Amino acid sequence: MLWMTMSLAAAVTIPRAVVAPTIDDFVTMTPSARVASSVIKVGPFVQREPNNGQPATEAADAYLAYDADNFYAVFVCFDHEPAQIRGHMTRRENLTDEDVVTLYLDTFHDRQRAYAFTVNPAGVQQDAIWSENGGSDTTFDTVWRSQGRRTETGYVVWIAVPFKSIRFAATRSEWGLLLGRTIARKREET
């Protein structure tokens, strides 16, 4: 069992997946029956910028799970104007002015540093280590997988972070967690 404490001090128990979720399980913008009981839904998202604490202008939810090898996060991002979503096939780490989602994992639960895994709607990755003192260090690179897919009502991003790609205390099962979404055209961070 993996426990996560989120930014608003809510505790979430992440379920161990019976079957690993895939992006295909979420293309209808809800989990398929195959994985519905293996994931936990987290949401709704609230704004950090420009109107801190207000509801997000576009709905989003995240679905979380883990298995013996990976931590999974699936972001389901709705958009009233899906043609306006910014997500280009570009070089890894080149996510300037793109819509993105980010999974932050504070694996030591010290609120001082976290792994940041960012993905745009095309599945392009950027990883970093965020620290309280230094912000984001994008020179960090590790192996992980992502996919993105546009839908008629938004987009879905699937992330799988292998446990062997990150450091954590084997004796501690509580991590910090933060989930984010940026809507580039609105300059909105949730």
C-alpha atoms as a PDB file:
ATOM      1  CA  MET A   1       0.000   0.000   0.000  1.00  0.00           C
ATOM      2  CA  LEU A   2       1.346   3.425  -0.935  1.00  0.00           C
ATOM      3  CA  TRP A   3       0.201   6.532   0.908  1.00  0.00           C
ATOM      4  CA  MET A   4       0.416   9.997  -0.609  1.00  0.00           C
ATOM      5  CA  THR A   5      -0.026  13.326   1.104  1.00  0.00           C
ATOM      6  CA  MET A   6      -1.120  16.017  -1.310  1.00  0.00           C
ATOM      7  CA  SER A   7      -0.516  19.749  -1.213  1.00  0.00           C
ATOM      8  CA  LEU A   8      -3.752  20.476   0.632  1.00  0.00           C
ATOM      9  CA  ALA A   9      -2.776  17.947   3.334  1.00  0.00           C
ATOM     10  CA  ALA A  10      -5.309  15.392   2.125  1.00  0.00           C
ATOM     11  CA  ALA A  11      -4.163  11.794   2.467  1.00  0.00           C
ATOM     12  CA  VAL A  12      -4.825   9.418  -0.404  1.00  0.00           C
ATOM     13  CA  THR A  13      -4.229   5.701  -0.444  1.00  0.00           C
ATOM     14  CA  ILE A  14      -2.953   4.681  -3.866  1.00  0.00           C
ATOM     15  CA  PRO A  15      -4.220   1.226  -4.845  1.00  0.00           C
ATOM     16  CA  ARG A  16      -1.975  -1.528  -6.104  1.00  0.00           C
ATOM     17  CA  ALA A  17      -3.167  -2.205  -9.642  1.00  0.00           C
ATOM     18  CA  VAL A  18      -4.479  -5.650 -10.452  1.00  0.00           C
ATOM     19  CA  VAL A  19      -3.803  -4.783 -14.105  1.00  0.00           C
ATOM     20  CA  ALA A  20      -1.625  -1.907 -15.265  1.00  0.00           C
ATOM     21  CA  PRO A  21      -3.590   1.022 -16.700  1.00  0.00           C
ATOM     22  CA  THR A  22      -2.923   2.027 -20.306  1.00  0.00           C
ATOM     23  CA  ILE A  23      -3.827   5.149 -22.237  1.00  0.00           C
ATOM     24  CA  ASP A  24      -6.412   3.122 -24.159  1.00  0.00           C
ATOM     25  CA  ASP A  25      -8.262   2.565 -20.876  1.00  0.00           C
ATOM     26  CA  PHE A  26      -8.995   6.325 -20.700  1.00  0.00           C
ATOM     27  CA  VAL A  27      -9.675   7.503 -24.273  1.00  0.00           C
ATOM     28  CA  THR A  28     -13.370   7.858 -23.395  1.00  0.00           C
ATOM     29  CA  MET A  29     -12.261  10.316 -20.659  1.00  0.00           C
ATOM     30  CA  THR A  30     -13.271   7.843 -17.936  1.00  0.00           C
ATOM     31  CA  PRO A  31     -11.513   4.641 -16.835  1.00  0.00           C
ATOM     32  CA  SER A  32     -12.509   1.466 -18.638  1.00  0.00           C
ATOM     33  CA  ALA A  33     -14.120  -1.355 -16.685  1.00  0.00           C
ATOM     34  CA  ARG A  34     -10.814  -3.228 -17.006  1.00  0.00           C
ATOM     35  CA  VAL A  35      -8.982  -0.789 -14.681  1.00  0.00           C
ATOM     36  CA  ALA A  36     -11.723   1.137 -12.853  1.00  0.00           C
ATOM     37  CA  SER A  37     -11.222  -0.774  -9.610  1.00  0.00           C
ATOM     38  CA  SER A  38      -7.408  -0.519  -9.853  1.00  0.00           C
ATOM     39  CA  VAL A  39      -7.097   3.289  -9.851  1.00  0.00           C
ATOM     40  CA  ILE A  40      -8.050   6.122  -7.532  1.00  0.00           C
ATOM     41  CA  LYS A  41      -9.473   9.351  -8.922  1.00  0.00           C
ATOM     42  CA  VAL A  42      -8.017  12.641  -7.677  1.00  0.00           C
ATOM     43  CA  GLY A  43      -9.636  15.957  -8.516  1.00  0.00           C
ATOM     44  CA  PRO A  44     -11.040  18.421  -9.227  1.00  0.00           C
ATOM     45  CA  PHE A  45      -8.071  20.711  -9.809  1.00  0.00           C
ATOM     46  CA  VAL A  46      -8.052  24.311  -8.520  1.00  0.00           C
ATOM     47  CA  GLN A  47      -6.184  27.315  -9.866  1.00  0.00           C
ATOM     48  CA  ARG A  48      -2.797  28.424  -8.606  1.00  0.00           C
ATOM     49  CA  GLU A  49      -2.482  31.085 -11.317  1.00  0.00           C
ATOM     50  CA  PRO A  50      -4.045  33.485 -12.134  1.00  0.00           C
ATOM     51  CA  ASN A  51      -6.753  33.164  -9.453  1.00  0.00           C
ATOM     52  CA  ASN A  52      -5.329  31.141  -6.578  1.00  0.00           C
ATOM     53  CA  GLY A  53      -7.896  28.859  -4.973  1.00  0.00           C
ATOM     54  CA  GLN A  54     -10.593  29.349  -7.611  1.00  0.00           C
ATOM     55  CA  PRO A  55     -11.970  26.411  -9.597  1.00  0.00           C
ATOM     56  CA  ALA A  56     -10.063  25.532 -12.752  1.00  0.00           C
ATOM     57  CA  THR A  57     -11.663  26.932 -15.905  1.00  0.00           C
ATOM     58  CA  GLU A  58     -11.313  23.511 -17.581  1.00  0.00           C
ATOM     59  CA  ALA A  59     -12.017  20.272 -15.705  1.00  0.00           C
ATOM     60  CA  ALA A  60      -9.259  17.738 -15.070  1.00  0.00           C
ATOM     61  CA  ASP A  61      -8.880  14.610 -13.018  1.00  0.00           C
ATOM     62  CA  ALA A  62      -5.951  12.300 -12.370  1.00  0.00           C
ATOM     63  CA  TYR A  63      -6.091   8.560 -11.827  1.00  0.00           C
ATOM     64  CA  LEU A  64      -3.316   6.958  -9.778  1.00  0.00           C
ATOM     65  CA  ALA A  65      -2.098   3.412  -9.192  1.00  0.00           C
ATOM     66  CA  TYR A  66       1.083   1.390  -8.807  1.00  0.00           C
ATOM     67  CA  ASP A  67       2.286  -2.150  -9.319  1.00  0.00           C
ATOM     68  CA  ALA A  68       5.499  -4.005  -8.509  1.00  0.00           C
ATOM     69  CA  ASP A  69       7.486  -2.021 -11.069  1.00  0.00           C
ATOM     70  CA  ASN A  70       5.845   1.365 -11.756  1.00  0.00           C
ATOM     71  CA  PHE A  71       3.926   4.318 -10.379  1.00  0.00           C
ATOM     72  CA  TYR A  72       1.114   5.286 -12.779  1.00  0.00           C
ATOM     73  CA  ALA A  73      -0.641   8.599 -13.284  1.00  0.00           C
ATOM     74  CA  VAL A  74      -3.259   9.204 -15.941  1.00  0.00           C
ATOM     75  CA  PHE A  75      -4.426  12.783 -16.449  1.00  0.00           C
ATOM     76  CA  VAL A  76      -7.814  13.323 -18.078  1.00  0.00           C
ATOM     77  CA  CYS A  77      -7.974  16.942 -19.225  1.00  0.00           C
ATOM     78  CA  PHE A  78     -11.205  18.339 -20.585  1.00  0.00           C
ATOM     79  CA  ASP A  79     -11.292  21.456 -22.750  1.00  0.00           C
ATOM     80  CA  HIS A  80     -14.266  23.445 -24.076  1.00  0.00           C
ATOM     81  CA  GLU A  81     -12.136  24.406 -27.089  1.00  0.00           C
ATOM     82  CA  PRO A  82     -10.149  21.248 -27.914  1.00  0.00           C
ATOM     83  CA  ALA A  83      -8.857  22.755 -31.180  1.00  0.00           C
ATOM     84  CA  GLN A  84      -7.027  25.368 -29.060  1.00  0.00           C
ATOM     85  CA  ILE A  85      -5.016  22.814 -27.063  1.00  0.00           C
ATOM     86  CA  ARG A  86      -1.288  23.392 -27.500  1.00  0.00           C
ATOM     87  CA  GLY A  87       0.680  20.182 -27.724  1.00  0.00           C
ATOM     88  CA  HIS A  88       3.239  19.707 -30.451  1.00  0.00           C
ATOM     89  CA  MET A  89       5.488  16.811 -31.337  1.00  0.00           C
ATOM     90  CA  THR A  90       8.795  18.406 -30.425  1.00  0.00           C
ATOM     91  CA  ARG A  91      12.150  17.500 -28.930  1.00  0.00           C
ATOM     92  CA  ARG A  92      12.173  16.093 -25.404  1.00  0.00           C
ATOM     93  CA  GLU A  93      12.399  18.856 -22.788  1.00  0.00           C
ATOM     94  CA  ASN A  94      11.191  21.536 -25.272  1.00  0.00           C
ATOM     95  CA  LEU A  95       7.799  22.254 -23.748  1.00  0.00           C
ATOM     96  CA  THR A  96       7.713  26.047 -24.003  1.00  0.00           C
ATOM     97  CA  ASP A  97       4.200  27.517 -24.370  1.00  0.00           C
ATOM     98  CA  GLU A  98       2.564  24.072 -24.423  1.00  0.00           C
ATOM     99  CA  ASP A  99      -0.344  22.660 -22.496  1.00  0.00           C
ATOM    100  CA  VAL A 100       1.195  20.242 -20.002  1.00  0.00           C
ATOM    101  CA  VAL A 101       0.470  18.116 -16.976  1.00  0.00           C
ATOM    102  CA  THR A 102       3.015  17.459 -14.230  1.00  0.00           C
ATOM    103  CA  LEU A 103       3.367  14.718 -11.662  1.00  0.00           C
ATOM    104  CA  TYR A 104       5.525  15.727  -8.670  1.00  0.00           C
ATOM    105  CA  LEU A 105       6.700  12.898  -6.416  1.00  0.00           C
ATOM    106  CA  ASP A 106       8.259  13.843  -3.072  1.00  0.00           C
ATOM    107  CA  THR A 107       9.513  10.330  -2.374  1.00  0.00           C
ATOM    108  CA  PHE A 108      11.142  11.214   0.959  1.00  0.00           C
ATOM    109  CA  HIS A 109       8.112  13.280   2.066  1.00  0.00           C
ATOM    110  CA  ASP A 110      10.345  16.106   3.270  1.00  0.00           C
ATOM    111  CA  ARG A 111       8.729  18.937   1.248  1.00  0.00           C
ATOM    112  CA  GLN A 112      12.214  19.983   0.183  1.00  0.00           C
ATOM    113  CA  ARG A 113      12.604  18.227  -3.176  1.00  0.00           C
ATOM    114  CA  ALA A 114      10.537  16.239  -5.635  1.00  0.00           C
ATOM    115  CA  TYR A 115      10.822  14.514  -8.958  1.00  0.00           C
ATOM    116  CA  ALA A 116       8.843  16.352 -11.637  1.00  0.00           C
ATOM    117  CA  PHE A 117       7.498  14.469 -14.649  1.00  0.00           C
ATOM    118  CA  THR A 118       5.903  16.776 -17.234  1.00  0.00           C
ATOM    119  CA  VAL A 119       4.127  15.701 -20.424  1.00  0.00           C
ATOM    120  CA  ASN A 120       2.303  17.562 -23.188  1.00  0.00           C
ATOM    121  CA  PRO A 121      -0.775  16.261 -25.091  1.00  0.00           C
ATOM    122  CA  ALA A 122       1.516  14.702 -27.734  1.00  0.00           C
ATOM    123  CA  GLY A 123       3.315  12.643 -25.065  1.00  0.00           C
ATOM    124  CA  VAL A 124       6.565  14.658 -25.139  1.00  0.00           C
ATOM    125  CA  GLN A 125       8.453  14.423 -21.834  1.00  0.00           C
ATOM    126  CA  GLN A 126      10.369  16.737 -19.574  1.00  0.00           C
ATOM    127  CA  ASP A 127      11.771  15.613 -16.250  1.00  0.00           C
ATOM    128  CA  ALA A 128      13.383  17.617 -13.486  1.00  0.00           C
ATOM    129  CA  ILE A 129      14.152  17.675  -9.819  1.00  0.00           C
ATOM    130  CA  TRP A 130      12.350  20.467  -8.036  1.00  0.00           C
ATOM    131  CA  SER A 131      13.852  21.769  -4.814  1.00  0.00           C
ATOM    132  CA  GLU A 132      12.647  24.303  -2.280  1.00  0.00           C
ATOM    133  CA  ASN A 133      15.867  26.302  -2.575  1.00  0.00           C
ATOM    134  CA  GLY A 134      16.691  25.992  -6.259  1.00  0.00           C
ATOM    135  CA  GLY A 135      13.470  25.590  -8.239  1.00  0.00           C
ATOM    136  CA  SER A 136      13.542  23.132 -11.137  1.00  0.00           C
ATOM    137  CA  ASP A 137      16.747  21.451 -12.266  1.00  0.00           C
ATOM    138  CA  THR A 138      16.039  20.135 -15.757  1.00  0.00           C
ATOM    139  CA  THR A 139      19.504  18.613 -16.129  1.00  0.00           C
ATOM    140  CA  PHE A 140      18.096  15.594 -14.306  1.00  0.00           C
ATOM    141  CA  ASP A 141      17.211  12.794 -16.725  1.00  0.00           C
ATOM    142  CA  THR A 142      15.826   9.364 -15.983  1.00  0.00           C
ATOM    143  CA  VAL A 143      14.000   6.607 -17.807  1.00  0.00           C
ATOM    144  CA  TRP A 144      10.205   6.691 -17.712  1.00  0.00           C
ATOM    145  CA  ARG A 145       7.355   6.334 -20.174  1.00  0.00           C
ATOM    146  CA  SER A 146       4.571   8.620 -21.324  1.00  0.00           C
ATOM    147  CA  GLN A 147       1.877   8.821 -23.940  1.00  0.00           C
ATOM    148  CA  GLY A 148      -0.529  11.561 -24.884  1.00  0.00           C
ATOM    149  CA  ARG A 149      -3.672  11.425 -26.939  1.00  0.00           C
ATOM    150  CA  ARG A 150      -6.142  14.086 -27.997  1.00  0.00           C
ATOM    151  CA  THR A 151      -9.838  13.322 -27.776  1.00  0.00           C
ATOM    152  CA  GLU A 152     -12.963  15.108 -28.961  1.00  0.00           C
ATOM    153  CA  THR A 153     -13.309  16.757 -25.545  1.00  0.00           C
ATOM    154  CA  GLY A 154      -9.681  17.329 -24.500  1.00  0.00           C
ATOM    155  CA  TYR A 155      -6.711  15.048 -24.043  1.00  0.00           C
ATOM    156  CA  VAL A 156      -5.346  12.194 -21.948  1.00  0.00           C
ATOM    157  CA  VAL A 157      -1.770  11.764 -20.704  1.00  0.00           C
ATOM    158  CA  TRP A 158      -0.458   8.450 -19.357  1.00  0.00           C
ATOM    159  CA  ILE A 159       2.713   8.337 -17.229  1.00  0.00           C
ATOM    160  CA  ALA A 160       4.582   5.303 -15.917  1.00  0.00           C
ATOM    161  CA  VAL A 161       7.544   5.965 -13.616  1.00  0.00           C
ATOM    162  CA  PRO A 162       9.615   2.856 -12.898  1.00  0.00           C
ATOM    163  CA  PHE A 163      10.550   2.594  -9.231  1.00  0.00           C
ATOM    164  CA  LYS A 164      14.104   1.721 -10.315  1.00  0.00           C
ATOM    165  CA  SER A 165      14.363   5.201 -11.919  1.00  0.00           C
ATOM    166  CA  ILE A 166      13.838   7.137  -8.679  1.00  0.00           C
ATOM    167  CA  ARG A 167      15.217   7.088  -5.143  1.00  0.00           C
ATOM    168  CA  PHE A 168      13.047   6.488  -2.092  1.00  0.00           C
ATOM    169  CA  ALA A 169      13.295   4.954   1.356  1.00  0.00           C
ATOM    170  CA  ALA A 170      12.394   1.286   1.157  1.00  0.00           C
ATOM    171  CA  THR A 171      11.040   1.364   4.716  1.00  0.00           C
ATOM    172  CA  ARG A 172       8.739   4.362   4.214  1.00  0.00           C
ATOM    173  CA  SER A 173       5.502   4.112   2.261  1.00  0.00           C
ATOM    174  CA  GLU A 174       4.331   7.722   2.611  1.00  0.00           C
ATOM    175  CA  TRP A 175       5.256  10.154  -0.153  1.00  0.00           C
ATOM    176  CA  GLY A 176       4.252  13.689  -1.005  1.00  0.00           C
ATOM    177  CA  LEU A 177       2.319  14.213  -4.215  1.00  0.00           C
ATOM    178  CA  LEU A 178       1.386  17.214  -6.302  1.00  0.00           C
ATOM    179  CA  LEU A 179      -0.489  17.142  -9.586  1.00  0.00           C
ATOM    180  CA  GLY A 180      -0.527  20.074 -11.973  1.00  0.00           C
ATOM    181  CA  ARG A 181      -1.992  21.184 -15.272  1.00  0.00           C
ATOM    182  CA  THR A 182      -1.011  24.206 -17.342  1.00  0.00           C
ATOM    183  CA  ILE A 183      -3.359  25.630 -19.962  1.00  0.00           C
ATOM    184  CA  ALA A 184      -0.965  27.715 -22.046  1.00  0.00           C
ATOM    185  CA  ARG A 185      -3.430  29.909 -23.943  1.00  0.00           C
ATOM    186  CA  LYS A 186      -5.050  31.000 -20.672  1.00  0.00           C
ATOM    187  CA  ARG A 187      -1.796  31.270 -18.699  1.00  0.00           C
ATOM    188  CA  GLU A 188      -3.575  29.103 -16.133  1.00  0.00           C
ATOM    189  CA  GLU A 189      -1.857  26.741 -13.715  1.00  0.00           C
ATOM    190  CA  THR A 190      -3.975  24.362 -11.686  1.00  0.00           C
END
